[in-house]
Amino acid sequence: MYHALVAEDEVLIREILCDELTDAGLEVQAFASAEEALALIESGAPIDLLFTDINLSGAMTGWDLGLKAIAIHPGLRVIYATGGSEPPRALSPLERRIMKPFRFTAIVEMLQDLGLAAA
């Protein structure tokens, strides 16, 4: 079973995303801030996927969280979600970016592309 970590400060989006990722067969833990999510990442907990909003409330952005998470867990897959218009940055082959609002079918396709779900 794959383990997903969700960092999303909007409660409704976080709850729906967790339900959908669980339905897709992932074990999910979720936090409202990058700082809380980073504490779990630093604990050495198994994580295969980080799904993070780019514009999280708090001092750390989703971009920052993703880069720190990848430095701690090389090979980690990351999906960045945003409803904003911040400039994109270059992504590694294990990173994806999706615009809000998104359909969960698009997330499932990304999971398949990243090797985390059956095709």
PDB file of N, CA and C in Angstrom:
ATOM      1  N   MET A   1       0.844  -1.182   0.000  1.00  0.00           N
ATOM      2  CA  MET A   1       0.000   0.000   0.000  1.00  0.00           C
ATOM      3  C   MET A   1       0.891   1.249   0.000  1.00  0.00           C
ATOM      4  N   TYR A   2       0.502   2.212  -0.799  1.00  0.00           N
ATOM      5  CA  TYR A   2       1.227   3.473  -0.874  1.00  0.00           C
ATOM      6  C   TYR A   2       0.707   4.434   0.191  1.00  0.00           C
ATOM      7  N   HIS A   3       1.598   5.304   0.667  1.00  0.00           N
ATOM      8  CA  HIS A   3       1.271   6.271   1.708  1.00  0.00           C
ATOM      9  C   HIS A   3       1.303   7.676   1.133  1.00  0.00           C
ATOM     10  N   ALA A   4       0.228   8.412   1.364  1.00  0.00           N
ATOM     11  CA  ALA A   4       0.122   9.782   0.867  1.00  0.00           C
ATOM     12  C   ALA A   4       0.035  10.748   2.043  1.00  0.00           C
ATOM     13  N   LEU A   5       0.657  11.899   1.857  1.00  0.00           N
ATOM     14  CA  LEU A   5       0.582  12.989   2.814  1.00  0.00           C
ATOM     15  C   LEU A   5      -0.053  14.171   2.094  1.00  0.00           C
ATOM     16  N   VAL A   6      -1.121  14.703   2.665  1.00  0.00           N
ATOM     17  CA  VAL A   6      -1.819  15.839   2.077  1.00  0.00           C
ATOM     18  C   VAL A   6      -1.575  17.063   2.959  1.00  0.00           C
ATOM     19  N   ALA A   7      -1.139  18.155   2.343  1.00  0.00           N
ATOM     20  CA  ALA A   7      -0.996  19.447   3.012  1.00  0.00           C
ATOM     21  C   ALA A   7      -1.926  20.424   2.287  1.00  0.00           C
ATOM     22  N   GLU A   8      -3.046  20.719   2.918  1.00  0.00           N
ATOM     23  CA  GLU A   8      -4.080  21.570   2.305  1.00  0.00           C
ATOM     24  C   GLU A   8      -4.770  22.333   3.425  1.00  0.00           C
ATOM     25  N   ASP A   9      -4.789  23.667   3.341  1.00  0.00           N
ATOM     26  CA  ASP A   9      -5.371  24.460   4.419  1.00  0.00           C
ATOM     27  C   ASP A   9      -6.874  24.690   4.282  1.00  0.00           C
ATOM     28  N   GLU A  10      -7.465  24.354   3.156  1.00  0.00           N
ATOM     29  CA  GLU A  10      -8.918  24.472   2.996  1.00  0.00           C
ATOM     30  C   GLU A  10      -9.551  23.152   3.427  1.00  0.00           C
ATOM     31  N   VAL A  11     -10.327  23.200   4.513  1.00  0.00           N
ATOM     32  CA  VAL A  11     -10.851  21.991   5.147  1.00  0.00           C
ATOM     33  C   VAL A  11     -11.635  21.114   4.182  1.00  0.00           C
ATOM     34  N   LEU A  12     -12.569  21.672   3.457  1.00  0.00           N
ATOM     35  CA  LEU A  12     -13.413  20.877   2.563  1.00  0.00           C
ATOM     36  C   LEU A  12     -12.588  20.189   1.479  1.00  0.00           C
ATOM     37  N   ILE A  13     -11.677  20.920   0.871  1.00  0.00           N
ATOM     38  CA  ILE A  13     -10.820  20.320  -0.160  1.00  0.00           C
ATOM     39  C   ILE A  13      -9.981  19.207   0.444  1.00  0.00           C
ATOM     40  N   ARG A  14      -9.421  19.455   1.629  1.00  0.00           N
ATOM     41  CA  ARG A  14      -8.595  18.446   2.302  1.00  0.00           C
ATOM     42  C   ARG A  14      -9.395  17.169   2.576  1.00  0.00           C
ATOM     43  N   GLU A  15     -10.613  17.321   3.091  1.00  0.00           N
ATOM     44  CA  GLU A  15     -11.439  16.147   3.406  1.00  0.00           C
ATOM     45  C   GLU A  15     -11.811  15.362   2.152  1.00  0.00           C
ATOM     46  N   ILE A  16     -12.231  16.054   1.117  1.00  0.00           N
ATOM     47  CA  ILE A  16     -12.611  15.377  -0.134  1.00  0.00           C
ATOM     48  C   ILE A  16     -11.402  14.689  -0.753  1.00  0.00           C
ATOM     49  N   LEU A  17     -10.276  15.376  -0.774  1.00  0.00           N
ATOM     50  CA  LEU A  17      -9.061  14.808  -1.347  1.00  0.00           C
ATOM     51  C   LEU A  17      -8.640  13.554  -0.576  1.00  0.00           C
ATOM     52  N   CYS A  18      -8.704  13.604   0.734  1.00  0.00           N
ATOM     53  CA  CYS A  18      -8.350  12.431   1.542  1.00  0.00           C
ATOM     54  C   CYS A  18      -9.278  11.259   1.238  1.00  0.00           C
ATOM     55  N   ASP A  19     -10.571  11.528   1.137  1.00  0.00           N
ATOM     56  CA  ASP A  19     -11.527  10.468   0.802  1.00  0.00           C
ATOM     57  C   ASP A  19     -11.218   9.858  -0.560  1.00  0.00           C
ATOM     58  N   GLU A  20     -10.948  10.715  -1.537  1.00  0.00           N
ATOM     59  CA  GLU A  20     -10.692  10.228  -2.894  1.00  0.00           C
ATOM     60  C   GLU A  20      -9.382   9.440  -2.970  1.00  0.00           C
ATOM     61  N   LEU A  21      -8.344   9.918  -2.300  1.00  0.00           N
ATOM     62  CA  LEU A  21      -7.069   9.196  -2.310  1.00  0.00           C
ATOM     63  C   LEU A  21      -7.208   7.851  -1.589  1.00  0.00           C
ATOM     64  N   THR A  22      -7.980   7.825  -0.515  1.00  0.00           N
ATOM     65  CA  THR A  22      -8.239   6.568   0.184  1.00  0.00           C
ATOM     66  C   THR A  22      -8.990   5.607  -0.735  1.00  0.00           C
ATOM     67  N   ASP A  23      -9.995   6.119  -1.435  1.00  0.00           N
ATOM     68  CA  ASP A  23     -10.746   5.291  -2.393  1.00  0.00           C
ATOM     69  C   ASP A  23      -9.847   4.758  -3.504  1.00  0.00           C
ATOM     70  N   ALA A  24      -8.784   5.501  -3.828  1.00  0.00           N
ATOM     71  CA  ALA A  24      -7.838   5.070  -4.866  1.00  0.00           C
ATOM     72  C   ALA A  24      -6.833   4.054  -4.325  1.00  0.00           C
ATOM     73  N   GLY A  25      -6.947   3.722  -3.027  1.00  0.00           N
ATOM     74  CA  GLY A  25      -6.103   2.684  -2.458  1.00  0.00           C
ATOM     75  C   GLY A  25      -4.889   3.161  -1.689  1.00  0.00           C
ATOM     76  N   LEU A  26      -4.791   4.447  -1.415  1.00  0.00           N
ATOM     77  CA  LEU A  26      -3.658   4.970  -0.664  1.00  0.00           C
ATOM     78  C   LEU A  26      -4.027   5.139   0.808  1.00  0.00           C
ATOM     79  N   GLU A  27      -3.040   4.979   1.667  1.00  0.00           N
ATOM     80  CA  GLU A  27      -3.205   5.313   3.077  1.00  0.00           C
ATOM     81  C   GLU A  27      -2.847   6.782   3.201  1.00  0.00           C
ATOM     82  N   VAL A  28      -3.722   7.579   3.813  1.00  0.00           N
ATOM     83  CA  VAL A  28      -3.578   9.036   3.774  1.00  0.00           C
ATOM     84  C   VAL A  28      -3.484   9.642   5.174  1.00  0.00           C
ATOM     85  N   GLN A  29      -2.566  10.585   5.320  1.00  0.00           N
ATOM     86  CA  GLN A  29      -2.497  11.459   6.479  1.00  0.00           C
ATOM     87  C   GLN A  29      -2.576  12.878   5.956  1.00  0.00           C
ATOM     88  N   ALA A  30      -3.256  13.763   6.698  1.00  0.00           N
ATOM     89  CA  ALA A  30      -3.459  15.126   6.202  1.00  0.00           C
ATOM     90  C   ALA A  30      -3.202  16.156   7.291  1.00  0.00           C
ATOM     91  N   PHE A  31      -2.712  17.302   6.837  1.00  0.00           N
ATOM     92  CA  PHE A  31      -2.424  18.414   7.728  1.00  0.00           C
ATOM     93  C   PHE A  31      -2.847  19.715   7.061  1.00  0.00           C
ATOM     94  N   ALA A  32      -3.116  20.730   7.895  1.00  0.00           N
ATOM     95  CA  ALA A  32      -3.545  22.024   7.383  1.00  0.00           C
ATOM     96  C   ALA A  32      -2.380  22.957   7.067  1.00  0.00           C
ATOM     97  N   SER A  33      -1.168  22.602   7.516  1.00  0.00           N
ATOM     98  CA  SER A  33      -0.038  23.497   7.273  1.00  0.00           C
ATOM     99  C   SER A  33       1.183  22.722   6.797  1.00  0.00           C
ATOM    100  N   ALA A  34       2.068  23.451   6.141  1.00  0.00           N
ATOM    101  CA  ALA A  34       3.323  22.860   5.676  1.00  0.00           C
ATOM    102  C   ALA A  34       4.194  22.461   6.858  1.00  0.00           C
ATOM    103  N   GLU A  35       4.161  23.262   7.911  1.00  0.00           N
ATOM    104  CA  GLU A  35       4.987  22.980   9.078  1.00  0.00           C
ATOM    105  C   GLU A  35       4.587  21.650   9.728  1.00  0.00           C
ATOM    106  N   GLU A  36       3.287  21.397   9.856  1.00  0.00           N
ATOM    107  CA  GLU A  36       2.821  20.125  10.422  1.00  0.00           C
ATOM    108  C   GLU A  36       3.213  18.958   9.519  1.00  0.00           C
ATOM    109  N   ALA A  37       3.041  19.144   8.226  1.00  0.00           N
ATOM    110  CA  ALA A  37       3.392  18.086   7.274  1.00  0.00           C
ATOM    111  C   ALA A  37       4.890  17.810   7.308  1.00  0.00           C
ATOM    112  N   LEU A  38       5.692  18.860   7.400  1.00  0.00           N
ATOM    113  CA  LEU A  38       7.138  18.682   7.440  1.00  0.00           C
ATOM    114  C   LEU A  38       7.575  17.898   8.684  1.00  0.00           C
ATOM    115  N   ALA A  39       6.901  18.113   9.795  1.00  0.00           N
ATOM    116  CA  ALA A  39       7.233  17.369  11.010  1.00  0.00           C
ATOM    117  C   ALA A  39       7.046  15.866  10.782  1.00  0.00           C
ATOM    118  N   LEU A  40       5.989  15.480  10.089  1.00  0.00           N
ATOM    119  CA  LEU A  40       5.779  14.062   9.787  1.00  0.00           C
ATOM    120  C   LEU A  40       6.861  13.562   8.830  1.00  0.00           C
ATOM    121  N   ILE A  41       7.177  14.346   7.827  1.00  0.00           N
ATOM    122  CA  ILE A  41       8.215  13.962   6.858  1.00  0.00           C
ATOM    123  C   ILE A  41       9.546  13.752   7.570  1.00  0.00           C
ATOM    124  N   GLU A  42       9.879  14.661   8.459  1.00  0.00           N
ATOM    125  CA  GLU A  42      11.144  14.573   9.183  1.00  0.00           C
ATOM    126  C   GLU A  42      11.180  13.407  10.172  1.00  0.00           C
ATOM    127  N   SER A  43      10.004  12.912  10.559  1.00  0.00           N
ATOM    128  CA  SER A  43       9.938  11.800  11.513  1.00  0.00           C
ATOM    129  C   SER A  43      10.371  10.470  10.899  1.00  0.00           C
ATOM    130  N   GLY A  44      10.476  10.440   9.576  1.00  0.00           N
ATOM    131  CA  GLY A  44      10.852   9.208   8.894  1.00  0.00           C
ATOM    132  C   GLY A  44       9.672   8.312   8.555  1.00  0.00           C
ATOM    133  N   ALA A  45       8.464   8.807   8.732  1.00  0.00           N
ATOM    134  CA  ALA A  45       7.273   8.035   8.384  1.00  0.00           C
ATOM    135  C   ALA A  45       7.304   7.684   6.900  1.00  0.00           C
ATOM    136  N   PRO A  46       6.775   6.521   6.527  1.00  0.00           N
ATOM    137  CA  PRO A  46       6.765   6.161   5.107  1.00  0.00           C
ATOM    138  C   PRO A  46       5.836   7.081   4.316  1.00  0.00           C
ATOM    139  N   ILE A  47       6.373   7.652   3.257  1.00  0.00           N
ATOM    140  CA  ILE A  47       5.592   8.548   2.403  1.00  0.00           C
ATOM    141  C   ILE A  47       6.001   8.288   0.956  1.00  0.00           C
ATOM    142  N   ASP A  48       5.019   8.009   0.119  1.00  0.00           N
ATOM    143  CA  ASP A  48       5.266   7.800  -1.311  1.00  0.00           C
ATOM    144  C   ASP A  48       4.824   8.998  -2.137  1.00  0.00           C
ATOM    145  N   LEU A  49       3.825   9.742  -1.616  1.00  0.00           N
ATOM    146  CA  LEU A  49       3.251  10.877  -2.338  1.00  0.00           C
ATOM    147  C   LEU A  49       3.013  12.018  -1.377  1.00  0.00           C
ATOM    148  N   LEU A  50       3.422  13.211  -1.790  1.00  0.00           N
ATOM    149  CA  LEU A  50       3.045  14.448  -1.103  1.00  0.00           C
ATOM    150  C   LEU A  50       2.123  15.195  -2.047  1.00  0.00           C
ATOM    151  N   PHE A  51       0.922  15.481  -1.578  1.00  0.00           N
ATOM    152  CA  PHE A  51      -0.013  16.317  -2.329  1.00  0.00           C
ATOM    153  C   PHE A  51      -0.140  17.601  -1.531  1.00  0.00           C
ATOM    154  N   THR A  52       0.310  18.708  -2.100  1.00  0.00           N
ATOM    155  CA  THR A  52       0.307  19.958  -1.359  1.00  0.00           C
ATOM    156  C   THR A  52      -0.239  21.120  -2.171  1.00  0.00           C
ATOM    157  N   ASP A  53      -0.996  21.954  -1.476  1.00  0.00           N
ATOM    158  CA  ASP A  53      -1.400  23.227  -2.039  1.00  0.00           C
ATOM    159  C   ASP A  53      -0.142  24.088  -2.091  1.00  0.00           C
ATOM    160  N   ILE A  54       0.024  24.865  -3.127  1.00  0.00           N
ATOM    161  CA  ILE A  54       1.198  25.734  -3.225  1.00  0.00           C
ATOM    162  C   ILE A  54       1.069  26.904  -2.258  1.00  0.00           C
ATOM    163  N   ASN A  55      -0.125  27.483  -2.170  1.00  0.00           N
ATOM    164  CA  ASN A  55      -0.346  28.677  -1.353  1.00  0.00           C
ATOM    165  C   ASN A  55      -0.953  28.315  -0.001  1.00  0.00           C
ATOM    166  N   LEU A  56      -0.164  27.691   0.846  1.00  0.00           N
ATOM    167  CA  LEU A  56      -0.606  27.337   2.186  1.00  0.00           C
ATOM    168  C   LEU A  56      -0.489  28.548   3.100  1.00  0.00           C
ATOM    169  N   SER A  57      -1.370  28.612   4.100  1.00  0.00           N
ATOM    170  CA  SER A  57      -1.207  29.664   5.099  1.00  0.00           C
ATOM    171  C   SER A  57      -0.002  29.300   5.969  1.00  0.00           C
ATOM    172  N   GLY A  58       0.668  30.288   6.479  1.00  0.00           N
ATOM    173  CA  GLY A  58       1.875  30.041   7.262  1.00  0.00           C
ATOM    174  C   GLY A  58       3.090  30.548   6.522  1.00  0.00           C
ATOM    175  N   ALA A  59       4.241  30.345   7.133  1.00  0.00           N
ATOM    176  CA  ALA A  59       5.484  30.878   6.587  1.00  0.00           C
ATOM    177  C   ALA A  59       6.012  30.078   5.406  1.00  0.00           C
ATOM    178  N   MET A  60       5.670  28.798   5.330  1.00  0.00           N
ATOM    179  CA  MET A  60       6.218  27.921   4.297  1.00  0.00           C
ATOM    180  C   MET A  60       5.186  27.671   3.197  1.00  0.00           C
ATOM    181  N   THR A  61       5.613  27.787   1.950  1.00  0.00           N
ATOM    182  CA  THR A  61       4.722  27.498   0.824  1.00  0.00           C
ATOM    183  C   THR A  61       4.760  26.004   0.499  1.00  0.00           C
ATOM    184  N   GLY A  62       3.845  25.583  -0.342  1.00  0.00           N
ATOM    185  CA  GLY A  62       3.876  24.212  -0.829  1.00  0.00           C
ATOM    186  C   GLY A  62       5.122  23.918  -1.641  1.00  0.00           C
ATOM    187  N   TRP A  63       5.610  24.929  -2.386  1.00  0.00           N
ATOM    188  CA  TRP A  63       6.869  24.749  -3.132  1.00  0.00           C
ATOM    189  C   TRP A  63       7.987  24.417  -2.144  1.00  0.00           C
ATOM    190  N   ASP A  64       8.070  25.215  -1.056  1.00  0.00           N
ATOM    191  CA  ASP A  64       9.106  24.992  -0.039  1.00  0.00           C
ATOM    192  C   ASP A  64       8.978  23.596   0.567  1.00  0.00           C
ATOM    193  N   LEU A  65       7.760  23.228   0.912  1.00  0.00           N
ATOM    194  CA  LEU A  65       7.516  21.915   1.515  1.00  0.00           C
ATOM    195  C   LEU A  65       7.944  20.802   0.566  1.00  0.00           C
ATOM    196  N   GLY A  66       7.586  20.920  -0.683  1.00  0.00           N
ATOM    197  CA  GLY A  66       7.944  19.892  -1.657  1.00  0.00           C
ATOM    198  C   GLY A  66       9.448  19.720  -1.791  1.00  0.00           C
ATOM    199  N   LEU A  67      10.167  20.837  -1.885  1.00  0.00           N
ATOM    200  CA  LEU A  67      11.623  20.765  -2.024  1.00  0.00           C
ATOM    201  C   LEU A  67      12.276  20.157  -0.782  1.00  0.00           C
ATOM    202  N   LYS A  68      11.807  20.531   0.407  1.00  0.00           N
ATOM    203  CA  LYS A  68      12.358  19.953   1.640  1.00  0.00           C
ATOM    204  C   LYS A  68      12.033  18.468   1.727  1.00  0.00           C
ATOM    205  N   ALA A  69      10.811  18.108   1.341  1.00  0.00           N
ATOM    206  CA  ALA A  69      10.399  16.702   1.396  1.00  0.00           C
ATOM    207  C   ALA A  69      11.232  15.846   0.452  1.00  0.00           C
ATOM    208  N   ILE A  70      11.483  16.348  -0.746  1.00  0.00           N
ATOM    209  CA  ILE A  70      12.289  15.607  -1.730  1.00  0.00           C
ATOM    210  C   ILE A  70      13.728  15.464  -1.240  1.00  0.00           C
ATOM    211  N   ALA A  71      14.249  16.505  -0.574  1.00  0.00           N
ATOM    212  CA  ALA A  71      15.612  16.424  -0.038  1.00  0.00           C
ATOM    213  C   ALA A  71      15.715  15.339   1.045  1.00  0.00           C
ATOM    214  N   ILE A  72      14.649  15.168   1.814  1.00  0.00           N
ATOM    215  CA  ILE A  72      14.629  14.157   2.880  1.00  0.00           C
ATOM    216  C   ILE A  72      14.331  12.771   2.327  1.00  0.00           C
ATOM    217  N   HIS A  73      13.401  12.707   1.367  1.00  0.00           N
ATOM    218  CA  HIS A  73      12.971  11.434   0.772  1.00  0.00           C
ATOM    219  C   HIS A  73      13.186  11.462  -0.747  1.00  0.00           C
ATOM    220  N   PRO A  74      14.420  11.262  -1.216  1.00  0.00           N
ATOM    221  CA  PRO A  74      14.628  11.229  -2.670  1.00  0.00           C
ATOM    222  C   PRO A  74      13.726  10.150  -3.280  1.00  0.00           C
ATOM    223  N   GLY A  75      13.147  10.454  -4.408  1.00  0.00           N
ATOM    224  CA  GLY A  75      12.223   9.519  -5.048  1.00  0.00           C
ATOM    225  C   GLY A  75      10.772   9.766  -4.682  1.00  0.00           C
ATOM    226  N   LEU A  76      10.539  10.697  -3.747  1.00  0.00           N
ATOM    227  CA  LEU A  76       9.171  11.053  -3.368  1.00  0.00           C
ATOM    228  C   LEU A  76       8.454  11.670  -4.558  1.00  0.00           C
ATOM    229  N   ARG A  77       7.215  11.271  -4.785  1.00  0.00           N
ATOM    230  CA  ARG A  77       6.397  11.903  -5.821  1.00  0.00           C
ATOM    231  C   ARG A  77       5.629  13.049  -5.173  1.00  0.00           C
ATOM    232  N   VAL A  78       5.510  14.176  -5.888  1.00  0.00           N
ATOM    233  CA  VAL A  78       4.841  15.357  -5.350  1.00  0.00           C
ATOM    234  C   VAL A  78       3.863  15.898  -6.386  1.00  0.00           C
ATOM    235  N   ILE A  79       2.651  16.181  -5.922  1.00  0.00           N
ATOM    236  CA  ILE A  79       1.663  16.874  -6.747  1.00  0.00           C
ATOM    237  C   ILE A  79       1.379  18.208  -6.065  1.00  0.00           C
ATOM    238  N   TYR A  80       1.597  19.291  -6.794  1.00  0.00           N
ATOM    239  CA  TYR A  80       1.345  20.643  -6.301  1.00  0.00           C
ATOM    240  C   TYR A  80       0.015  21.122  -6.886  1.00  0.00           C
ATOM    241  N   ALA A  81      -0.861  21.618  -6.030  1.00  0.00           N
ATOM    242  CA  ALA A  81      -2.150  22.140  -6.485  1.00  0.00           C
ATOM    243  C   ALA A  81      -2.203  23.640  -6.231  1.00  0.00           C
ATOM    244  N   THR A  82      -2.836  24.359  -7.146  1.00  0.00           N
ATOM    245  CA  THR A  82      -2.960  25.797  -6.970  1.00  0.00           C
ATOM    246  C   THR A  82      -4.190  26.335  -7.672  1.00  0.00           C
ATOM    247  N   GLY A  83      -4.756  27.346  -7.074  1.00  0.00           N
ATOM    248  CA  GLY A  83      -5.833  28.091  -7.706  1.00  0.00           C
ATOM    249  C   GLY A  83      -5.333  29.473  -8.079  1.00  0.00           C
ATOM    250  N   GLY A  84      -4.079  29.735  -7.804  1.00  0.00           N
ATOM    251  CA  GLY A  84      -3.479  31.044  -8.044  1.00  0.00           C
ATOM    252  C   GLY A  84      -2.765  31.126  -9.368  1.00  0.00           C
ATOM    253  N   SER A  85      -2.068  32.216  -9.535  1.00  0.00           N
ATOM    254  CA  SER A  85      -1.380  32.455 -10.801  1.00  0.00           C
ATOM    255  C   SER A  85       0.116  32.656 -10.589  1.00  0.00           C
ATOM    256  N   GLU A  86       0.652  32.037  -9.528  1.00  0.00           N
ATOM    257  CA  GLU A  86       2.089  32.179  -9.300  1.00  0.00           C
ATOM    258  C   GLU A  86       2.857  31.569 -10.463  1.00  0.00           C
ATOM    259  N   PRO A  87       4.039  32.092 -10.741  1.00  0.00           N
ATOM    260  CA  PRO A  87       4.805  31.549 -11.865  1.00  0.00           C
ATOM    261  C   PRO A  87       5.220  30.105 -11.570  1.00  0.00           C
ATOM    262  N   PRO A  88       5.091  29.239 -12.554  1.00  0.00           N
ATOM    263  CA  PRO A  88       5.507  27.856 -12.343  1.00  0.00           C
ATOM    264  C   PRO A  88       7.026  27.765 -12.255  1.00  0.00           C
ATOM    265  N   ARG A  89       7.487  26.704 -11.647  1.00  0.00           N
ATOM    266  CA  ARG A  89       8.923  26.445 -11.629  1.00  0.00           C
ATOM    267  C   ARG A  89       9.149  25.131 -12.351  1.00  0.00           C
ATOM    268  N   ALA A  90      10.376  24.883 -12.723  1.00  0.00           N
ATOM    269  CA  ALA A  90      10.705  23.625 -13.399  1.00  0.00           C
ATOM    270  C   ALA A  90      10.452  22.464 -12.436  1.00  0.00           C
ATOM    271  N   LEU A  91       9.836  21.416 -12.946  1.00  0.00           N
ATOM    272  CA  LEU A  91       9.508  20.251 -12.132  1.00  0.00           C
ATOM    273  C   LEU A  91      10.372  19.063 -12.538  1.00  0.00           C
ATOM    274  N   SER A  92      10.689  18.243 -11.560  1.00  0.00           N
ATOM    275  CA  SER A  92      11.412  17.005 -11.845  1.00  0.00           C
ATOM    276  C   SER A  92      10.436  15.999 -12.445  1.00  0.00           C
ATOM    277  N   PRO A  93      10.922  14.873 -12.966  1.00  0.00           N
ATOM    278  CA  PRO A  93      10.016  13.853 -13.510  1.00  0.00           C
ATOM    279  C   PRO A  93       9.064  13.253 -12.476  1.00  0.00           C
ATOM    280  N   LEU A  94       9.342  13.434 -11.189  1.00  0.00           N
ATOM    281  CA  LEU A  94       8.478  12.883 -10.144  1.00  0.00           C
ATOM    282  C   LEU A  94       7.539  13.928  -9.552  1.00  0.00           C
ATOM    283  N   GLU A  95       7.476  15.111 -10.156  1.00  0.00           N
ATOM    284  CA  GLU A  95       6.598  16.172  -9.682  1.00  0.00           C
ATOM    285  C   GLU A  95       5.560  16.511 -10.747  1.00  0.00           C
ATOM    286  N   ARG A  96       4.388  16.909 -10.260  1.00  0.00           N
ATOM    287  CA  ARG A  96       3.309  17.345 -11.145  1.00  0.00           C
ATOM    288  C   ARG A  96       2.672  18.594 -10.548  1.00  0.00           C
ATOM    289  N   ARG A  97       1.998  19.364 -11.389  1.00  0.00           N
ATOM    290  CA  ARG A  97       1.268  20.565 -10.963  1.00  0.00           C
ATOM    291  C   ARG A  97      -0.137  20.474 -11.535  1.00  0.00           C
ATOM    292  N   ILE A  98      -1.130  20.797 -10.705  1.00  0.00           N
ATOM    293  CA  ILE A  98      -2.515  20.766 -11.160  1.00  0.00           C
ATOM    294  C   ILE A  98      -3.217  22.037 -10.702  1.00  0.00           C
ATOM    295  N   MET A  99      -4.088  22.548 -11.556  1.00  0.00           N
ATOM    296  CA  MET A  99      -4.832  23.766 -11.246  1.00  0.00           C
ATOM    297  C   MET A  99      -6.141  23.426 -10.551  1.00  0.00           C
ATOM    298  N   LYS A 100      -6.487  24.226  -9.547  1.00  0.00           N
ATOM    299  CA  LYS A 100      -7.786  24.138  -8.887  1.00  0.00           C
ATOM    300  C   LYS A 100      -8.765  25.004  -9.665  1.00  0.00           C
ATOM    301  N   PRO A 101      -9.994  24.659  -9.748  1.00  0.00           N
ATOM    302  CA  PRO A 101     -10.566  23.402  -9.270  1.00  0.00           C
ATOM    303  C   PRO A 101     -10.158  22.259 -10.197  1.00  0.00           C
ATOM    304  N   PHE A 102      -9.939  21.098  -9.628  1.00  0.00           N
ATOM    305  CA  PHE A 102      -9.549  19.943 -10.426  1.00  0.00           C
ATOM    306  C   PHE A 102     -10.575  18.840 -10.261  1.00  0.00           C
ATOM    307  N   ARG A 103     -10.604  17.965 -11.243  1.00  0.00           N
ATOM    308  CA  ARG A 103     -11.441  16.771 -11.146  1.00  0.00           C
ATOM    309  C   ARG A 103     -10.560  15.652 -10.618  1.00  0.00           C
ATOM    310  N   PHE A 104     -11.127  14.802  -9.789  1.00  0.00           N
ATOM    311  CA  PHE A 104     -10.303  13.754  -9.223  1.00  0.00           C
ATOM    312  C   PHE A 104      -9.812  12.781 -10.284  1.00  0.00           C
ATOM    313  N   THR A 105     -10.509  12.656 -11.396  1.00  0.00           N
ATOM    314  CA  THR A 105     -10.019  11.785 -12.465  1.00  0.00           C
ATOM    315  C   THR A 105      -8.646  12.243 -12.950  1.00  0.00           C
ATOM    316  N   ALA A 106      -8.394  13.556 -12.921  1.00  0.00           N
ATOM    317  CA  ALA A 106      -7.083  14.072 -13.318  1.00  0.00           C
ATOM    318  C   ALA A 106      -6.018  13.659 -12.292  1.00  0.00           C
ATOM    319  N   ILE A 107      -6.381  13.622 -11.018  1.00  0.00           N
ATOM    320  CA  ILE A 107      -5.456  13.182  -9.980  1.00  0.00           C
ATOM    321  C   ILE A 107      -5.142  11.699 -10.160  1.00  0.00           C
ATOM    322  N   VAL A 108      -6.156  10.899 -10.446  1.00  0.00           N
ATOM    323  CA  VAL A 108      -5.947   9.459 -10.665  1.00  0.00           C
ATOM    324  C   VAL A 108      -4.998   9.243 -11.836  1.00  0.00           C
ATOM    325  N   GLU A 109      -5.163  10.019 -12.906  1.00  0.00           N
ATOM    326  CA  GLU A 109      -4.250   9.912 -14.050  1.00  0.00           C
ATOM    327  C   GLU A 109      -2.820  10.249 -13.635  1.00  0.00           C
ATOM    328  N   MET A 110      -2.651  11.255 -12.793  1.00  0.00           N
ATOM    329  CA  MET A 110      -1.312  11.604 -12.303  1.00  0.00           C
ATOM    330  C   MET A 110      -0.754  10.486 -11.433  1.00  0.00           C
ATOM    331  N   LEU A 111      -1.592   9.901 -10.587  1.00  0.00           N
ATOM    332  CA  LEU A 111      -1.159   8.774  -9.752  1.00  0.00           C
ATOM    333  C   LEU A 111      -0.676   7.621 -10.622  1.00  0.00           C
ATOM    334  N   GLN A 112      -1.427   7.335 -11.675  1.00  0.00           N
ATOM    335  CA  GLN A 112      -1.029   6.260 -12.598  1.00  0.00           C
ATOM    336  C   GLN A 112       0.288   6.602 -13.281  1.00  0.00           C
ATOM    337  N   ASP A 113       0.412   7.839 -13.726  1.00  0.00           N
ATOM    338  CA  ASP A 113       1.627   8.287 -14.400  1.00  0.00           C
ATOM    339  C   ASP A 113       2.846   8.216 -13.476  1.00  0.00           C
ATOM    340  N   LEU A 114       2.612   8.438 -12.185  1.00  0.00           N
ATOM    341  CA  LEU A 114       3.693   8.400 -11.199  1.00  0.00           C
ATOM    342  C   LEU A 114       3.917   6.998 -10.629  1.00  0.00           C
ATOM    343  N   GLY A 115       3.147   6.008 -11.114  1.00  0.00           N
ATOM    344  CA  GLY A 115       3.317   4.631 -10.667  1.00  0.00           C
ATOM    345  C   GLY A 115       2.697   4.331  -9.326  1.00  0.00           C
ATOM    346  N   LEU A 116       1.703   5.120  -8.918  1.00  0.00           N
ATOM    347  CA  LEU A 116       1.080   4.934  -7.603  1.00  0.00           C
ATOM    348  C   LEU A 116      -0.340   4.388  -7.674  1.00  0.00           C
ATOM    349  N   ALA A 117      -0.815   4.062  -8.856  1.00  0.00           N
ATOM    350  CA  ALA A 117      -2.163   3.504  -9.011  1.00  0.00           C
ATOM    351  C   ALA A 117      -2.190   2.617 -10.250  1.00  0.00           C
ATOM    352  N   ALA A 118      -3.063   1.645 -10.209  1.00  0.00           N
ATOM    353  CA  ALA A 118      -3.211   0.748 -11.370  1.00  0.00           C
ATOM    354  C   ALA A 118      -3.832   1.518 -12.526  1.00  0.00           C
ATOM    355  N   ALA A 119      -3.374   1.186 -13.716  1.00  0.00           N
ATOM    356  CA  ALA A 119      -3.902   1.856 -14.931  1.00  0.00           C
ATOM    357  C   ALA A 119      -5.262   1.318 -15.285  1.00  0.00           C
TER     358      ALA A 119
END
